[in-house]
Amino acid sequence: KVSTKCWLVHLILGFIFADEAYICYQMWRDGVTI
């Protein structure tokens, strides 16, 4: 129970950071400043 709860927190954060990094990288390749 404890390890699964903690893991899910990190899994969600990891998904968010990876998704945002990918989106921003694609924007950067297209010349968008942000």
ModelCIF file with pLDDT and N, C-alpha, C, O atoms, coordinates in Angstrom:
data_MODEL
#
_entry.id   MODEL 
#
_entity.id                         1 
_entity.type                       polymer 
_entity.pdbx_number_of_molecules   1 
#
_entity_poly.entity_id                      1 
_entity_poly.type                           'polypeptide(L)' 
_entity_poly.nstd_linkage                   no 
_entity_poly.nstd_monomer                   no 
_entity_poly.pdbx_seq_one_letter_code       KVSTKCWLVHLILGFIFADEAYICYQMWRDGVTI 
_entity_poly.pdbx_seq_one_letter_code_can   KVSTKCWLVHLILGFIFADEAYICYQMWRDGVTI 
_entity_poly.pdbx_strand_id                 A 
#
loop_
_entity_poly_seq.entity_id 
_entity_poly_seq.num 
_entity_poly_seq.mon_id 
_entity_poly_seq.hetero 
1 1  LYS n 
1 2  VAL n 
1 3  SER n 
1 4  THR n 
1 5  LYS n 
1 6  CYS n 
1 7  TRP n 
1 8  LEU n 
1 9  VAL n 
1 10 HIS n 
1 11 LEU n 
1 12 ILE n 
1 13 LEU n 
1 14 GLY n 
1 15 PHE n 
1 16 ILE n 
1 17 PHE n 
1 18 ALA n 
1 19 ASP n 
1 20 GLU n 
1 21 ALA n 
1 22 TYR n 
1 23 ILE n 
1 24 CYS n 
1 25 TYR n 
1 26 GLN n 
1 27 MET n 
1 28 TRP n 
1 29 ARG n 
1 30 ASP n 
1 31 GLY n 
1 32 VAL n 
1 33 THR n 
1 34 ILE n 
#
_struct_asym.id          A 
_struct_asym.entity_id   1 
#
loop_
_ma_qa_metric.id 
_ma_qa_metric.mode 
_ma_qa_metric.name 
_ma_qa_metric.software_group_id 
_ma_qa_metric.type 
1 global pLDDT . pLDDT 
2 local  pLDDT . pLDDT 
#
_ma_qa_metric_global.metric_id      1 
_ma_qa_metric_global.metric_value   93.79 
_ma_qa_metric_global.model_id       1 
_ma_qa_metric_global.ordinal_id     1 
#
loop_
_ma_qa_metric_local.label_asym_id 
_ma_qa_metric_local.label_comp_id 
_ma_qa_metric_local.label_seq_id 
_ma_qa_metric_local.metric_id 
_ma_qa_metric_local.metric_value 
_ma_qa_metric_local.model_id 
_ma_qa_metric_local.ordinal_id 
A LYS 1  2 95.00 1 1  
A VAL 2  2 96.00 1 2  
A SER 3  2 96.00 1 3  
A THR 4  2 96.00 1 4  
A LYS 5  2 96.00 1 5  
A CYS 6  2 97.00 1 6  
A TRP 7  2 97.00 1 7  
A LEU 8  2 97.00 1 8  
A VAL 9  2 97.00 1 9  
A HIS 10 2 97.00 1 10 
A LEU 11 2 96.00 1 11 
A ILE 12 2 97.00 1 12 
A LEU 13 2 96.00 1 13 
A GLY 14 2 96.00 1 14 
A PHE 15 2 96.00 1 15 
A ILE 16 2 96.00 1 16 
A PHE 17 2 96.00 1 17 
A ALA 18 2 96.00 1 18 
A ASP 19 2 96.00 1 19 
A GLU 20 2 95.00 1 20 
A ALA 21 2 95.00 1 21 
A TYR 22 2 95.00 1 22 
A ILE 23 2 94.00 1 23 
A CYS 24 2 94.00 1 24 
A TYR 25 2 93.00 1 25 
A GLN 26 2 94.00 1 26 
A MET 27 2 92.00 1 27 
A TRP 28 2 91.00 1 28 
A ARG 29 2 88.00 1 29 
A ASP 30 2 87.00 1 30 
A GLY 31 2 85.00 1 31 
A VAL 32 2 85.00 1 32 
A THR 33 2 85.00 1 33 
A ILE 34 2 87.00 1 34 
#
loop_
_atom_site.group_PDB 
_atom_site.id 
_atom_site.type_symbol 
_atom_site.label_atom_id 
_atom_site.label_alt_id 
_atom_site.label_comp_id 
_atom_site.label_asym_id 
_atom_site.label_entity_id 
_atom_site.label_seq_id 
_atom_site.pdbx_PDB_ins_code 
_atom_site.Cartn_x 
_atom_site.Cartn_y 
_atom_site.Cartn_z 
_atom_site.occupancy 
_atom_site.B_iso_or_equiv 
_atom_site.pdbx_formal_charge 
_atom_site.auth_seq_id 
_atom_site.auth_comp_id 
_atom_site.auth_asym_id 
_atom_site.auth_atom_id 
_atom_site.pdbx_PDB_model_num 
ATOM 1   N N  . LYS A 1 1  ? 0.815  -1.218 0.000   1.00 95.00 ? 1  LYS A N  1 
ATOM 2   C CA . LYS A 1 1  ? 0.000  0.000  0.000   1.00 95.00 ? 1  LYS A CA 1 
ATOM 3   C C  . LYS A 1 1  ? 0.849  1.269  0.000   1.00 95.00 ? 1  LYS A C  1 
ATOM 4   O O  . LYS A 1 1  ? 0.656  2.154  -0.833  1.00 95.00 ? 1  LYS A O  1 
ATOM 5   N N  . VAL A 1 2  ? 1.781  1.350  0.932   1.00 96.00 ? 2  VAL A N  1 
ATOM 6   C CA . VAL A 1 2  ? 2.606  2.561  1.053   1.00 96.00 ? 2  VAL A CA 1 
ATOM 7   C C  . VAL A 1 2  ? 3.437  2.792  -0.198  1.00 96.00 ? 2  VAL A C  1 
ATOM 8   O O  . VAL A 1 2  ? 3.446  3.896  -0.743  1.00 96.00 ? 2  VAL A O  1 
ATOM 9   N N  . SER A 1 3  ? 4.131  1.764  -0.656  1.00 96.00 ? 3  SER A N  1 
ATOM 10  C CA . SER A 1 3  ? 5.009  1.929  -1.818  1.00 96.00 ? 3  SER A CA 1 
ATOM 11  C C  . SER A 1 3  ? 4.227  2.214  -3.091  1.00 96.00 ? 3  SER A C  1 
ATOM 12  O O  . SER A 1 3  ? 4.704  2.951  -3.955  1.00 96.00 ? 3  SER A O  1 
ATOM 13  N N  . THR A 1 4  ? 3.028  1.641  -3.223  1.00 96.00 ? 4  THR A N  1 
ATOM 14  C CA . THR A 1 4  ? 2.213  1.902  -4.411  1.00 96.00 ? 4  THR A CA 1 
ATOM 15  C C  . THR A 1 4  ? 1.713  3.337  -4.432  1.00 96.00 ? 4  THR A C  1 
ATOM 16  O O  . THR A 1 4  ? 1.722  3.983  -5.480  1.00 96.00 ? 4  THR A O  1 
ATOM 17  N N  . LYS A 1 5  ? 1.278  3.841  -3.281  1.00 96.00 ? 5  LYS A N  1 
ATOM 18  C CA . LYS A 1 5  ? 0.822  5.237  -3.203  1.00 96.00 ? 5  LYS A CA 1 
ATOM 19  C C  . LYS A 1 5  ? 1.949  6.197  -3.585  1.00 96.00 ? 5  LYS A C  1 
ATOM 20  O O  . LYS A 1 5  ? 1.750  7.117  -4.378  1.00 96.00 ? 5  LYS A O  1 
ATOM 21  N N  . CYS A 1 6  ? 3.124  5.973  -3.017  1.00 97.00 ? 6  CYS A N  1 
ATOM 22  C CA . CYS A 1 6  ? 4.267  6.845  -3.315  1.00 97.00 ? 6  CYS A CA 1 
ATOM 23  C C  . CYS A 1 6  ? 4.672  6.741  -4.782  1.00 97.00 ? 6  CYS A C  1 
ATOM 24  O O  . CYS A 1 6  ? 4.979  7.748  -5.421  1.00 97.00 ? 6  CYS A O  1 
ATOM 25  N N  . TRP A 1 7  ? 4.671  5.522  -5.309  1.00 97.00 ? 7  TRP A N  1 
ATOM 26  C CA . TRP A 1 7  ? 5.049  5.313  -6.710  1.00 97.00 ? 7  TRP A CA 1 
ATOM 27  C C  . TRP A 1 7  ? 4.087  6.024  -7.651  1.00 97.00 ? 7  TRP A C  1 
ATOM 28  O O  . TRP A 1 7  ? 4.517  6.630  -8.632  1.00 97.00 ? 7  TRP A O  1 
ATOM 29  N N  . LEU A 1 8  ? 2.799  5.958  -7.366  1.00 97.00 ? 8  LEU A N  1 
ATOM 30  C CA . LEU A 1 8  ? 1.807  6.591  -8.237  1.00 97.00 ? 8  LEU A CA 1 
ATOM 31  C C  . LEU A 1 8  ? 1.994  8.107  -8.271  1.00 97.00 ? 8  LEU A C  1 
ATOM 32  O O  . LEU A 1 8  ? 1.787  8.733  -9.310  1.00 97.00 ? 8  LEU A O  1 
ATOM 33  N N  . VAL A 1 9  ? 2.382  8.697  -7.147  1.00 97.00 ? 9  VAL A N  1 
ATOM 34  C CA . VAL A 1 9  ? 2.667  10.139 -7.116  1.00 97.00 ? 9  VAL A CA 1 
ATOM 35  C C  . VAL A 1 9  ? 3.799  10.458 -8.081  1.00 97.00 ? 9  VAL A C  1 
ATOM 36  O O  . VAL A 1 9  ? 3.694  11.378 -8.892  1.00 97.00 ? 9  VAL A O  1 
ATOM 37  N N  . HIS A 1 10 ? 4.880  9.693  -7.989  1.00 97.00 ? 10 HIS A N  1 
ATOM 38  C CA . HIS A 1 10 ? 6.034  9.927  -8.865  1.00 97.00 ? 10 HIS A CA 1 
ATOM 39  C C  . HIS A 1 10 ? 5.713  9.597  -10.321 1.00 97.00 ? 10 HIS A C  1 
ATOM 40  O O  . HIS A 1 10 ? 6.202  10.263 -11.234 1.00 97.00 ? 10 HIS A O  1 
ATOM 41  N N  . LEU A 1 11 ? 4.898  8.578  -10.536 1.00 96.00 ? 11 LEU A N  1 
ATOM 42  C CA . LEU A 1 11 ? 4.522  8.193  -11.897 1.00 96.00 ? 11 LEU A CA 1 
ATOM 43  C C  . LEU A 1 11 ? 3.732  9.304  -12.574 1.00 96.00 ? 11 LEU A C  1 
ATOM 44  O O  . LEU A 1 11 ? 3.975  9.625  -13.737 1.00 96.00 ? 11 LEU A O  1 
ATOM 45  N N  . ILE A 1 12 ? 2.791  9.888  -11.847 1.00 97.00 ? 12 ILE A N  1 
ATOM 46  C CA . ILE A 1 12 ? 1.981  10.984 -12.390 1.00 97.00 ? 12 ILE A CA 1 
ATOM 47  C C  . ILE A 1 12 ? 2.853  12.190 -12.683 1.00 97.00 ? 12 ILE A C  1 
ATOM 48  O O  . ILE A 1 12 ? 2.744  12.798 -13.747 1.00 97.00 ? 12 ILE A O  1 
ATOM 49  N N  . LEU A 1 13 ? 3.729  12.542 -11.728 1.00 96.00 ? 13 LEU A N  1 
ATOM 50  C CA . LEU A 1 13 ? 4.629  13.674 -11.943 1.00 96.00 ? 13 LEU A CA 1 
ATOM 51  C C  . LEU A 1 13 ? 5.552  13.419 -13.133 1.00 96.00 ? 13 LEU A C  1 
ATOM 52  O O  . LEU A 1 13 ? 5.801  14.313 -13.941 1.00 96.00 ? 13 LEU A O  1 
ATOM 53  N N  . GLY A 1 14 ? 6.053  12.194 -13.228 1.00 96.00 ? 14 GLY A N  1 
ATOM 54  C CA . GLY A 1 14 ? 6.938  11.852 -14.332 1.00 96.00 ? 14 GLY A CA 1 
ATOM 55  C C  . GLY A 1 14 ? 6.248  11.966 -15.676 1.00 96.00 ? 14 GLY A C  1 
ATOM 56  O O  . GLY A 1 14 ? 6.837  12.443 -16.646 1.00 96.00 ? 14 GLY A O  1 
ATOM 57  N N  . PHE A 1 15 ? 4.998  11.528 -15.734 1.00 96.00 ? 15 PHE A N  1 
ATOM 58  C CA . PHE A 1 15 ? 4.229  11.629 -16.977 1.00 96.00 ? 15 PHE A CA 1 
ATOM 59  C C  . PHE A 1 15 ? 4.011  13.098 -17.360 1.00 96.00 ? 15 PHE A C  1 
ATOM 60  O O  . PHE A 1 15 ? 4.150  13.463 -18.527 1.00 96.00 ? 15 PHE A O  1 
ATOM 61  N N  . ILE A 1 16 ? 3.676  13.924 -16.392 1.00 96.00 ? 16 ILE A N  1 
ATOM 62  C CA . ILE A 1 16 ? 3.431  15.352 -16.652 1.00 96.00 ? 16 ILE A CA 1 
ATOM 63  C C  . ILE A 1 16 ? 4.695  16.024 -17.162 1.00 96.00 ? 16 ILE A C  1 
ATOM 64  O O  . ILE A 1 16 ? 4.656  16.731 -18.169 1.00 96.00 ? 16 ILE A O  1 
ATOM 65  N N  . PHE A 1 17 ? 5.825  15.811 -16.476 1.00 96.00 ? 17 PHE A N  1 
ATOM 66  C CA . PHE A 1 17 ? 7.084  16.444 -16.871 1.00 96.00 ? 17 PHE A CA 1 
ATOM 67  C C  . PHE A 1 17 ? 7.531  15.976 -18.260 1.00 96.00 ? 17 PHE A C  1 
ATOM 68  O O  . PHE A 1 17 ? 7.980  16.783 -19.073 1.00 96.00 ? 17 PHE A O  1 
ATOM 69  N N  . ALA A 1 18 ? 7.407  14.677 -18.527 1.00 96.00 ? 18 ALA A N  1 
ATOM 70  C CA . ALA A 1 18 ? 7.818  14.134 -19.824 1.00 96.00 ? 18 ALA A CA 1 
ATOM 71  C C  . ALA A 1 18 ? 6.935  14.667 -20.941 1.00 96.00 ? 18 ALA A C  1 
ATOM 72  O O  . ALA A 1 18 ? 7.422  15.005 -22.020 1.00 96.00 ? 18 ALA A O  1 
ATOM 73  N N  . ASP A 1 19 ? 5.629  14.740 -20.678 1.00 96.00 ? 19 ASP A N  1 
ATOM 74  C CA . ASP A 1 19 ? 4.689  15.229 -21.686 1.00 96.00 ? 19 ASP A CA 1 
ATOM 75  C C  . ASP A 1 19 ? 4.953  16.695 -22.010 1.00 96.00 ? 19 ASP A C  1 
ATOM 76  O O  . ASP A 1 19 ? 4.982  17.085 -23.177 1.00 96.00 ? 19 ASP A O  1 
ATOM 77  N N  . GLU A 1 20 ? 5.146  17.501 -20.972 1.00 95.00 ? 20 GLU A N  1 
ATOM 78  C CA . GLU A 1 20 ? 5.406  18.935 -21.180 1.00 95.00 ? 20 GLU A CA 1 
ATOM 79  C C  . GLU A 1 20 ? 6.747  19.155 -21.876 1.00 95.00 ? 20 GLU A C  1 
ATOM 80  O O  . GLU A 1 20 ? 6.876  20.041 -22.721 1.00 95.00 ? 20 GLU A O  1 
ATOM 81  N N  . ALA A 1 21 ? 7.744  18.344 -21.518 1.00 95.00 ? 21 ALA A N  1 
ATOM 82  C CA . ALA A 1 21 ? 9.057  18.466 -22.154 1.00 95.00 ? 21 ALA A CA 1 
ATOM 83  C C  . ALA A 1 21 ? 8.960  18.151 -23.645 1.00 95.00 ? 21 ALA A C  1 
ATOM 84  O O  . ALA A 1 21 ? 9.573  18.825 -24.473 1.00 95.00 ? 21 ALA A O  1 
ATOM 85  N N  . TYR A 1 22 ? 8.190  17.126 -23.977 1.00 95.00 ? 22 TYR A N  1 
ATOM 86  C CA . TYR A 1 22 ? 8.031  16.740 -25.383 1.00 95.00 ? 22 TYR A CA 1 
ATOM 87  C C  . TYR A 1 22 ? 7.313  17.829 -26.174 1.00 95.00 ? 22 TYR A C  1 
ATOM 88  O O  . TYR A 1 22 ? 7.730  18.178 -27.279 1.00 95.00 ? 22 TYR A O  1 
ATOM 89  N N  . ILE A 1 23 ? 6.239  18.362 -25.611 1.00 94.00 ? 23 ILE A N  1 
ATOM 90  C CA . ILE A 1 23 ? 5.464  19.411 -26.289 1.00 94.00 ? 23 ILE A CA 1 
ATOM 91  C C  . ILE A 1 23 ? 6.322  20.649 -26.513 1.00 94.00 ? 23 ILE A C  1 
ATOM 92  O O  . ILE A 1 23 ? 6.340  21.215 -27.605 1.00 94.00 ? 23 ILE A O  1 
ATOM 93  N N  . CYS A 1 24 ? 7.033  21.062 -25.465 1.00 94.00 ? 24 CYS A N  1 
ATOM 94  C CA . CYS A 1 24 ? 7.876  22.257 -25.574 1.00 94.00 ? 24 CYS A CA 1 
ATOM 95  C C  . CYS A 1 24 ? 9.022  22.052 -26.561 1.00 94.00 ? 24 CYS A C  1 
ATOM 96  O O  . CYS A 1 24 ? 9.409  22.971 -27.284 1.00 94.00 ? 24 CYS A O  1 
ATOM 97  N N  . TYR A 1 25 ? 9.561  20.824 -26.577 1.00 93.00 ? 25 TYR A N  1 
ATOM 98  C CA . TYR A 1 25 ? 10.661 20.539 -27.508 1.00 93.00 ? 25 TYR A CA 1 
ATOM 99  C C  . TYR A 1 25 ? 10.189 20.646 -28.947 1.00 93.00 ? 25 TYR A C  1 
ATOM 100 O O  . TYR A 1 25 ? 10.901 21.177 -29.799 1.00 93.00 ? 25 TYR A O  1 
ATOM 101 N N  . GLN A 1 26 ? 8.999  20.148 -29.218 1.00 94.00 ? 26 GLN A N  1 
ATOM 102 C CA . GLN A 1 26 ? 8.445  20.252 -30.564 1.00 94.00 ? 26 GLN A CA 1 
ATOM 103 C C  . GLN A 1 26 ? 8.227  21.708 -30.949 1.00 94.00 ? 26 GLN A C  1 
ATOM 104 O O  . GLN A 1 26 ? 8.470  22.094 -32.093 1.00 94.00 ? 26 GLN A O  1 
ATOM 105 N N  . MET A 1 27 ? 7.771  22.515 -30.002 1.00 92.00 ? 27 MET A N  1 
ATOM 106 C CA . MET A 1 27 ? 7.589  23.946 -30.246 1.00 92.00 ? 27 MET A CA 1 
ATOM 107 C C  . MET A 1 27 ? 8.926  24.620 -30.516 1.00 92.00 ? 27 MET A C  1 
ATOM 108 O O  . MET A 1 27 ? 9.035  25.483 -31.387 1.00 92.00 ? 27 MET A O  1 
ATOM 109 N N  . TRP A 1 28 ? 9.945  24.214 -29.757 1.00 91.00 ? 28 TRP A N  1 
ATOM 110 C CA . TRP A 1 28 ? 11.283 24.788 -29.922 1.00 91.00 ? 28 TRP A CA 1 
ATOM 111 C C  . TRP A 1 28 ? 11.840 24.462 -31.309 1.00 91.00 ? 28 TRP A C  1 
ATOM 112 O O  . TRP A 1 28 ? 12.469 25.309 -31.944 1.00 91.00 ? 28 TRP A O  1 
ATOM 113 N N  . ARG A 1 29 ? 11.608 23.234 -31.774 1.00 88.00 ? 29 ARG A N  1 
ATOM 114 C CA . ARG A 1 29 ? 12.060 22.835 -33.104 1.00 88.00 ? 29 ARG A CA 1 
ATOM 115 C C  . ARG A 1 29 ? 11.346 23.631 -34.190 1.00 88.00 ? 29 ARG A C  1 
ATOM 116 O O  . ARG A 1 29 ? 11.903 23.873 -35.261 1.00 88.00 ? 29 ARG A O  1 
ATOM 117 N N  . ASP A 1 30 ? 10.106 24.038 -33.906 1.00 87.00 ? 30 ASP A N  1 
ATOM 118 C CA . ASP A 1 30 ? 9.340  24.812 -34.883 1.00 87.00 ? 30 ASP A CA 1 
ATOM 119 C C  . ASP A 1 30 ? 9.633  26.304 -34.793 1.00 87.00 ? 30 ASP A C  1 
ATOM 120 O O  . ASP A 1 30 ? 9.033  27.101 -35.515 1.00 87.00 ? 30 ASP A O  1 
ATOM 121 N N  . GLY A 1 31 ? 10.553 26.685 -33.909 1.00 85.00 ? 31 GLY A N  1 
ATOM 122 C CA . GLY A 1 31 ? 10.957 28.077 -33.810 1.00 85.00 ? 31 GLY A CA 1 
ATOM 123 C C  . GLY A 1 31 ? 10.138 28.933 -32.853 1.00 85.00 ? 31 GLY A C  1 
ATOM 124 O O  . GLY A 1 31 ? 10.277 30.156 -32.837 1.00 85.00 ? 31 GLY A O  1 
ATOM 125 N N  . VAL A 1 32 ? 9.278  28.289 -32.049 1.00 85.00 ? 32 VAL A N  1 
ATOM 126 C CA . VAL A 1 32 ? 8.492  29.027 -31.065 1.00 85.00 ? 32 VAL A CA 1 
ATOM 127 C C  . VAL A 1 32 ? 9.375  29.314 -29.850 1.00 85.00 ? 32 VAL A C  1 
ATOM 128 O O  . VAL A 1 32 ? 9.966  28.400 -29.273 1.00 85.00 ? 32 VAL A O  1 
ATOM 129 N N  . THR A 1 33 ? 9.460  30.590 -29.467 1.00 85.00 ? 33 THR A N  1 
ATOM 130 C CA . THR A 1 33 ? 10.386 31.022 -28.425 1.00 85.00 ? 33 THR A CA 1 
ATOM 131 C C  . THR A 1 33 ? 10.176 30.294 -27.099 1.00 85.00 ? 33 THR A C  1 
ATOM 132 O O  . THR A 1 33 ? 11.139 29.866 -26.461 1.00 85.00 ? 33 THR A O  1 
ATOM 133 N N  . ILE A 1 34 ? 8.929  30.156 -26.690 1.00 87.00 ? 34 ILE A N  1 
ATOM 134 C CA . ILE A 1 34 ? 8.621  29.536 -25.397 1.00 87.00 ? 34 ILE A CA 1 
ATOM 135 C C  . ILE A 1 34 ? 9.037  28.070 -25.346 1.00 87.00 ? 34 ILE A C  1 
ATOM 136 O O  . ILE A 1 34 ? 8.845  27.410 -24.325 1.00 87.00 ? 34 ILE A O  1 
#
